[in-house]
Amino acid sequence: MPDFNIRIPKGCACSGVHPGDYTNQVELKTPDHMLKIGNIGCLQFRETTCVDRCIADAVQALWALEVVTTGCCCGHNQVDGYIGVWEAP
């Protein structure tokens, strides 16, 4: 299965935060199932992963299902956001 993005429609609670701005992030422990992979191309999994605060619960729910995420952005209520998902070949 190819990589894909889960689209997040505009409508988060971000205010005064713009795409590329990292002030609304939380640092979470990267789950073991992703740490075991090590890296996907140039993406290297580290001990912690920063995600936008308003989608942290959604990302953690995917992690609980052992889904591998490759990046995310809530869109800061200006553009559609996404959660990147990867499935091993």
C-alpha atoms as a PDB file:
ATOM      1  CA  MET A   1       0.000   0.000   0.000  1.00  0.00           C
ATOM      2  CA  PRO A   2       1.432   3.440  -0.843  1.00  0.00           C
ATOM      3  CA  ASP A   3       1.898   6.212   1.683  1.00  0.00           C
ATOM      4  CA  PHE A   4      -1.118   8.447   2.102  1.00  0.00           C
ATOM      5  CA  ASN A   5      -2.335  11.459   4.049  1.00  0.00           C
ATOM      6  CA  ILE A   6      -5.386  11.623   6.260  1.00  0.00           C
ATOM      7  CA  ARG A   7      -6.957  14.992   5.419  1.00  0.00           C
ATOM      8  CA  ILE A   8      -8.047  17.203   8.304  1.00  0.00           C
ATOM      9  CA  PRO A   9     -10.589  19.853   7.249  1.00  0.00           C
ATOM     10  CA  LYS A  10     -10.162  23.433   8.426  1.00  0.00           C
ATOM     11  CA  GLY A  11     -11.761  24.138  11.753  1.00  0.00           C
ATOM     12  CA  CYS A  12      -9.226  23.590  14.528  1.00  0.00           C
ATOM     13  CA  ALA A  13      -8.970  25.879  17.528  1.00  0.00           C
ATOM     14  CA  CYS A  14      -5.677  27.496  16.493  1.00  0.00           C
ATOM     15  CA  SER A  15      -5.638  31.267  16.731  1.00  0.00           C
ATOM     16  CA  GLY A  16      -2.721  33.410  15.641  1.00  0.00           C
ATOM     17  CA  VAL A  17      -0.686  30.388  14.535  1.00  0.00           C
ATOM     18  CA  HIS A  18       0.398  30.099  10.900  1.00  0.00           C
ATOM     19  CA  PRO A  19       1.621  27.144   8.837  1.00  0.00           C
ATOM     20  CA  GLY A  20       5.334  26.754   9.534  1.00  0.00           C
ATOM     21  CA  ASP A  21       4.883  28.123  13.083  1.00  0.00           C
ATOM     22  CA  TYR A  22       5.745  25.583  15.771  1.00  0.00           C
ATOM     23  CA  THR A  23       4.417  27.416  18.855  1.00  0.00           C
ATOM     24  CA  ASN A  24       1.298  25.243  19.191  1.00  0.00           C
ATOM     25  CA  GLN A  25       3.121  21.905  19.427  1.00  0.00           C
ATOM     26  CA  VAL A  26       3.478  19.317  22.148  1.00  0.00           C
ATOM     27  CA  GLU A  27       6.376  16.889  22.462  1.00  0.00           C
ATOM     28  CA  LEU A  28       5.265  13.261  22.735  1.00  0.00           C
ATOM     29  CA  LYS A  29       7.210  10.054  23.301  1.00  0.00           C
ATOM     30  CA  THR A  30       7.589   8.334  19.951  1.00  0.00           C
ATOM     31  CA  PRO A  31       5.964   4.891  20.138  1.00  0.00           C
ATOM     32  CA  ASP A  32       8.160   1.797  20.137  1.00  0.00           C
ATOM     33  CA  HIS A  33       6.704   0.452  16.883  1.00  0.00           C
ATOM     34  CA  MET A  34       8.080   3.510  15.089  1.00  0.00           C
ATOM     35  CA  LEU A  35      11.415   3.594  16.948  1.00  0.00           C
ATOM     36  CA  LYS A  36      12.030  -0.014  15.836  1.00  0.00           C
ATOM     37  CA  ILE A  37      11.829   1.113  12.190  1.00  0.00           C
ATOM     38  CA  GLY A  38      14.620   3.637  12.753  1.00  0.00           C
ATOM     39  CA  ASN A  39      14.124   5.626   9.576  1.00  0.00           C
ATOM     40  CA  ILE A  40      12.115   5.822   6.366  1.00  0.00           C
ATOM     41  CA  GLY A  41      14.349   7.412   3.746  1.00  0.00           C
ATOM     42  CA  CYS A  42      15.520  10.723   5.213  1.00  0.00           C
ATOM     43  CA  LEU A  43      12.910  10.639   8.020  1.00  0.00           C
ATOM     44  CA  GLN A  44      14.564   9.401  11.208  1.00  0.00           C
ATOM     45  CA  PHE A  45      12.412   8.548  14.208  1.00  0.00           C
ATOM     46  CA  ARG A  46      13.717  10.025  17.450  1.00  0.00           C
ATOM     47  CA  GLU A  47      12.791   9.425  21.094  1.00  0.00           C
ATOM     48  CA  THR A  48      10.187  12.208  20.949  1.00  0.00           C
ATOM     49  CA  THR A  49       7.965  13.606  18.220  1.00  0.00           C
ATOM     50  CA  CYS A  50       6.433  17.092  18.116  1.00  0.00           C
ATOM     51  CA  VAL A  51       2.837  17.400  16.911  1.00  0.00           C
ATOM     52  CA  ASP A  52       0.305  20.217  16.822  1.00  0.00           C
ATOM     53  CA  ARG A  53      -1.558  20.304  20.134  1.00  0.00           C
ATOM     54  CA  CYS A  54      -5.045  20.229  18.585  1.00  0.00           C
ATOM     55  CA  ILE A  55      -4.417  16.937  16.700  1.00  0.00           C
ATOM     56  CA  ALA A  56      -2.233  15.207  19.297  1.00  0.00           C
ATOM     57  CA  ASP A  57      -5.127  12.972  20.433  1.00  0.00           C
ATOM     58  CA  ALA A  58      -5.785  11.836  16.852  1.00  0.00           C
ATOM     59  CA  VAL A  59      -2.095  11.082  16.266  1.00  0.00           C
ATOM     60  CA  GLN A  60      -1.850   9.166  19.542  1.00  0.00           C
ATOM     61  CA  ALA A  61      -4.984   7.171  18.650  1.00  0.00           C
ATOM     62  CA  LEU A  62      -3.306   6.107  15.394  1.00  0.00           C
ATOM     63  CA  TRP A  63      -0.142   5.208  17.293  1.00  0.00           C
ATOM     64  CA  ALA A  64      -2.199   3.070  19.706  1.00  0.00           C
ATOM     65  CA  LEU A  65      -3.279   1.077  16.623  1.00  0.00           C
ATOM     66  CA  GLU A  66       0.430   0.807  15.660  1.00  0.00           C
ATOM     67  CA  VAL A  67      -0.037   3.045  12.634  1.00  0.00           C
ATOM     68  CA  VAL A  68       3.235   4.635  11.514  1.00  0.00           C
ATOM     69  CA  THR A  69       2.891   8.395  10.986  1.00  0.00           C
ATOM     70  CA  THR A  70       5.391  10.387   8.961  1.00  0.00           C
ATOM     71  CA  GLY A  71       4.376  13.958   9.770  1.00  0.00           C
ATOM     72  CA  CYS A  72       1.363  16.066  10.490  1.00  0.00           C
ATOM     73  CA  CYS A  73      -0.030  19.583  10.579  1.00  0.00           C
ATOM     74  CA  CYS A  74      -3.433  20.734  11.777  1.00  0.00           C
ATOM     75  CA  GLY A  75      -3.489  23.472   9.122  1.00  0.00           C
ATOM     76  CA  HIS A  76      -3.788  26.133  11.830  1.00  0.00           C
ATOM     77  CA  ASN A  77      -7.359  26.867  10.717  1.00  0.00           C
ATOM     78  CA  GLN A  78      -6.017  28.383   7.472  1.00  0.00           C
ATOM     79  CA  VAL A  79      -5.518  25.368   5.204  1.00  0.00           C
ATOM     80  CA  ASP A  80      -6.572  21.726   5.368  1.00  0.00           C
ATOM     81  CA  GLY A  81      -4.308  19.776   7.673  1.00  0.00           C
ATOM     82  CA  TYR A  82      -3.010  16.232   7.345  1.00  0.00           C
ATOM     83  CA  ILE A  83      -1.544  13.255   9.130  1.00  0.00           C
ATOM     84  CA  GLY A  84       0.926  11.349   6.962  1.00  0.00           C
ATOM     85  CA  VAL A  85       0.650   7.558   7.204  1.00  0.00           C
ATOM     86  CA  TRP A  86       3.156   4.927   6.042  1.00  0.00           C
ATOM     87  CA  GLU A  87       2.721   1.217   5.592  1.00  0.00           C
ATOM     88  CA  ALA A  88       5.755  -1.031   5.319  1.00  0.00           C
ATOM     89  CA  PRO A  89       6.201  -2.712   1.949  1.00  0.00           C
END
